[in-house]
Amino acid sequence: MIQTFTQNDVIRYVYEETSEEENLLIQDALVHDTEMLEFYLDLVDLKIGLDTSYREPSSRTVDNILAYSRNFDSKHQTSA
């Protein structure tokens, strides 16, 4: 029996959301389907890029948000 997989199955595989049985079947399909393999490799590259692009806000940005929040809070306490 030939098992066919969708791009969604490959995405689930990349994000480790597949069962052990599915993993083996998908790995076998990747060996035999060059188009699926190319999609998989592109997806892995994209995932690595997303994982490494996480950024933190600058201290200035955090300070501005906190200052705004303090100012907002004080304005609403006096008007109540």
Protein backbone atom coordinates (compact mmCIF):
# COMPACT_ATOMS: atom_id res chain seq x y z
CA MET A 1 0.00 0.00 0.00
CA ILE A 2 1.32 3.41 -0.96
CA GLN A 3 0.91 6.06 1.74
CA THR A 4 0.48 9.62 0.54
CA PHE A 5 1.24 12.60 2.72
CA THR A 6 0.21 16.21 2.47
CA GLN A 7 2.29 19.29 3.16
CA ASN A 8 0.41 19.55 6.46
CA ASP A 9 1.73 16.12 7.42
CA VAL A 10 5.27 17.29 6.69
CA ILE A 11 4.71 20.42 8.77
CA ARG A 12 3.47 18.29 11.65
CA TYR A 13 6.57 16.11 11.24
CA VAL A 14 8.91 19.11 11.37
CA TYR A 15 7.21 20.35 14.55
CA GLU A 16 7.34 16.84 16.07
CA GLU A 17 3.56 16.45 16.16
CA THR A 18 3.48 13.04 14.50
CA SER A 19 3.49 9.57 16.02
CA GLU A 20 6.45 7.22 15.82
CA GLU A 21 4.64 5.20 13.17
CA GLU A 22 3.92 8.33 11.11
CA ASN A 23 7.57 9.40 11.49
CA LEU A 24 8.77 6.17 9.90
CA LEU A 25 6.28 6.44 7.05
CA ILE A 26 7.07 10.09 6.39
CA GLN A 27 10.82 9.43 6.50
CA ASP A 28 10.34 6.66 3.94
CA ALA A 29 8.27 8.98 1.76
CA LEU A 30 10.96 11.68 1.95
CA VAL A 31 13.50 9.20 0.60
CA HIS A 32 11.32 8.38 -2.40
CA ASP A 33 9.65 11.73 -3.20
CA THR A 34 12.09 14.47 -4.18
CA GLU A 35 9.38 17.14 -4.29
CA MET A 36 8.34 16.32 -0.73
CA LEU A 37 11.99 16.27 0.33
CA GLU A 38 12.54 19.74 -1.15
CA PHE A 39 9.46 21.03 0.70
CA TYR A 40 10.73 19.43 3.92
CA LEU A 41 14.21 20.98 3.56
CA ASP A 42 12.72 24.42 2.80
CA LEU A 43 10.47 24.10 5.83
CA VAL A 44 13.36 23.13 8.11
CA ASP A 45 15.35 26.17 6.89
CA LEU A 46 12.33 28.39 7.51
CA LYS A 47 11.80 26.97 11.00
CA ILE A 48 15.45 27.54 11.89
CA GLY A 49 15.18 31.13 10.65
CA LEU A 50 12.04 31.74 12.71
CA ASP A 51 13.56 30.16 15.81
CA THR A 52 16.68 32.32 15.60
CA SER A 53 14.86 35.56 14.79
CA TYR A 54 13.29 35.90 18.24
CA ARG A 55 14.10 39.36 19.49
CA GLU A 56 13.61 41.22 22.70
CA PRO A 57 12.43 44.83 22.85
CA SER A 58 15.04 47.43 23.65
CA SER A 59 15.24 48.87 27.15
CA ARG A 60 14.02 52.19 25.77
CA THR A 61 10.88 50.57 24.37
CA VAL A 62 10.14 48.85 27.68
CA ASP A 63 10.72 52.10 29.56
CA ASN A 64 8.34 53.97 27.24
CA ILE A 65 5.62 51.35 27.71
CA LEU A 66 6.02 51.43 31.50
CA ALA A 67 5.96 55.23 31.56
CA TYR A 68 2.82 55.29 29.43
CA SER A 69 1.20 52.73 31.70
CA ARG A 70 2.03 54.73 34.85
CA ASN A 71 0.71 57.91 33.24
CA PHE A 72 -2.44 56.19 32.01
CA ASP A 73 -3.11 54.69 35.44
CA SER A 74 -2.63 58.00 37.28
CA LYS A 75 -4.98 59.86 34.91
CA HIS A 76 -7.75 57.32 35.47
CA GLN A 77 -7.38 57.30 39.25
CA THR A 78 -7.81 61.08 39.53
CA SER A 79 -10.84 61.20 37.25
CA ALA A 80 -12.79 58.49 39.09
